Protein backbone atom coordinates (compact mmCIF):
# COMPACT_ATOMS: atom_id res chain seq x y z
CA UNK A 1 7.90 16.96 -0.07
CA UNK A 2 7.60 13.28 -1.49
CA UNK A 3 10.55 13.94 -3.83
CA UNK A 4 12.79 14.80 -1.16
CA UNK A 5 11.68 11.76 0.87
CA UNK A 6 12.55 9.46 -2.15
CA UNK A 7 16.00 10.86 -2.64
CA UNK A 8 16.73 10.33 1.26
CA UNK A 9 15.42 6.79 0.88
CA UNK A 10 17.79 6.04 -2.22
CA UNK A 11 20.76 7.15 -0.11
CA UNK A 12 19.60 4.45 2.76
CA UNK A 13 18.78 1.54 0.27
CA UNK A 14 22.40 1.27 -0.81
CA UNK A 15 23.69 0.95 2.63
CA UNK A 16 24.90 -2.30 3.74
CA UNK A 17 23.38 -3.92 5.66
CA UNK A 18 20.26 -2.01 4.40
CA UNK A 19 18.34 -0.32 7.37
CA UNK A 20 14.89 -1.11 8.08
CA UNK A 21 12.30 1.73 7.70
CA UNK A 22 9.61 1.96 10.48
CA UNK A 23 6.79 4.14 9.63
CA UNK A 24 5.26 5.75 12.67
CA UNK A 25 1.57 6.73 12.64
CA UNK A 26 -0.96 7.76 15.12
CA UNK A 27 -4.51 7.41 14.77
CA UNK A 28 -4.78 10.81 12.72
CA UNK A 29 -2.54 9.87 10.02
CA UNK A 30 -4.17 9.57 6.30
CA UNK A 31 -3.70 6.06 5.13
CA UNK A 32 -2.93 7.67 1.71
CA UNK A 33 -0.05 9.28 3.04
CA UNK A 34 1.46 6.07 4.48
CA UNK A 35 0.79 4.41 1.15
CA UNK A 36 2.70 6.99 -0.60
CA UNK A 37 5.50 6.42 1.84
CA UNK A 38 5.51 2.45 1.55
CA UNK A 39 5.30 3.18 -2.40
CA UNK A 40 8.50 5.40 -2.27
CA UNK A 41 10.45 3.21 -0.16
CA UNK A 42 9.83 0.23 -2.47
CA UNK A 43 10.77 2.51 -5.77
CA UNK A 44 14.03 3.43 -3.84
CA UNK A 45 14.61 -0.27 -3.13
CA UNK A 46 14.06 -0.49 0.13
CA UNK A 47 13.24 -4.11 1.01
CA UNK A 48 12.16 -3.79 4.81
CA UNK A 49 9.49 -1.55 5.53
CA UNK A 50 7.70 -1.96 9.08
CA UNK A 51 4.86 -0.03 10.79
CA UNK A 52 5.14 1.18 14.40
CA UNK A 53 1.49 1.95 15.32
CA UNK A 54 1.32 4.88 18.39
CA UNK A 55 -1.21 3.95 21.08
CA UNK A 56 -3.59 6.69 21.91
CA UNK A 57 -2.04 9.01 24.62
CA UNK A 58 -3.62 8.23 28.16
CA UNK A 59 -5.46 10.83 30.05
């Protein structure tokens, strides 16, 4: 759940150099879920959060 993610992010946040968190989403992802993920990253102390937007599959 969300707390598991938070605990994992806290572990990553203290690494030097701090890794960048990339959130990968497709067209069907709910924005509230992305928002919660960003919030958890910030709470954990992650400073770099990026997005990877998946293009819709061809064919």
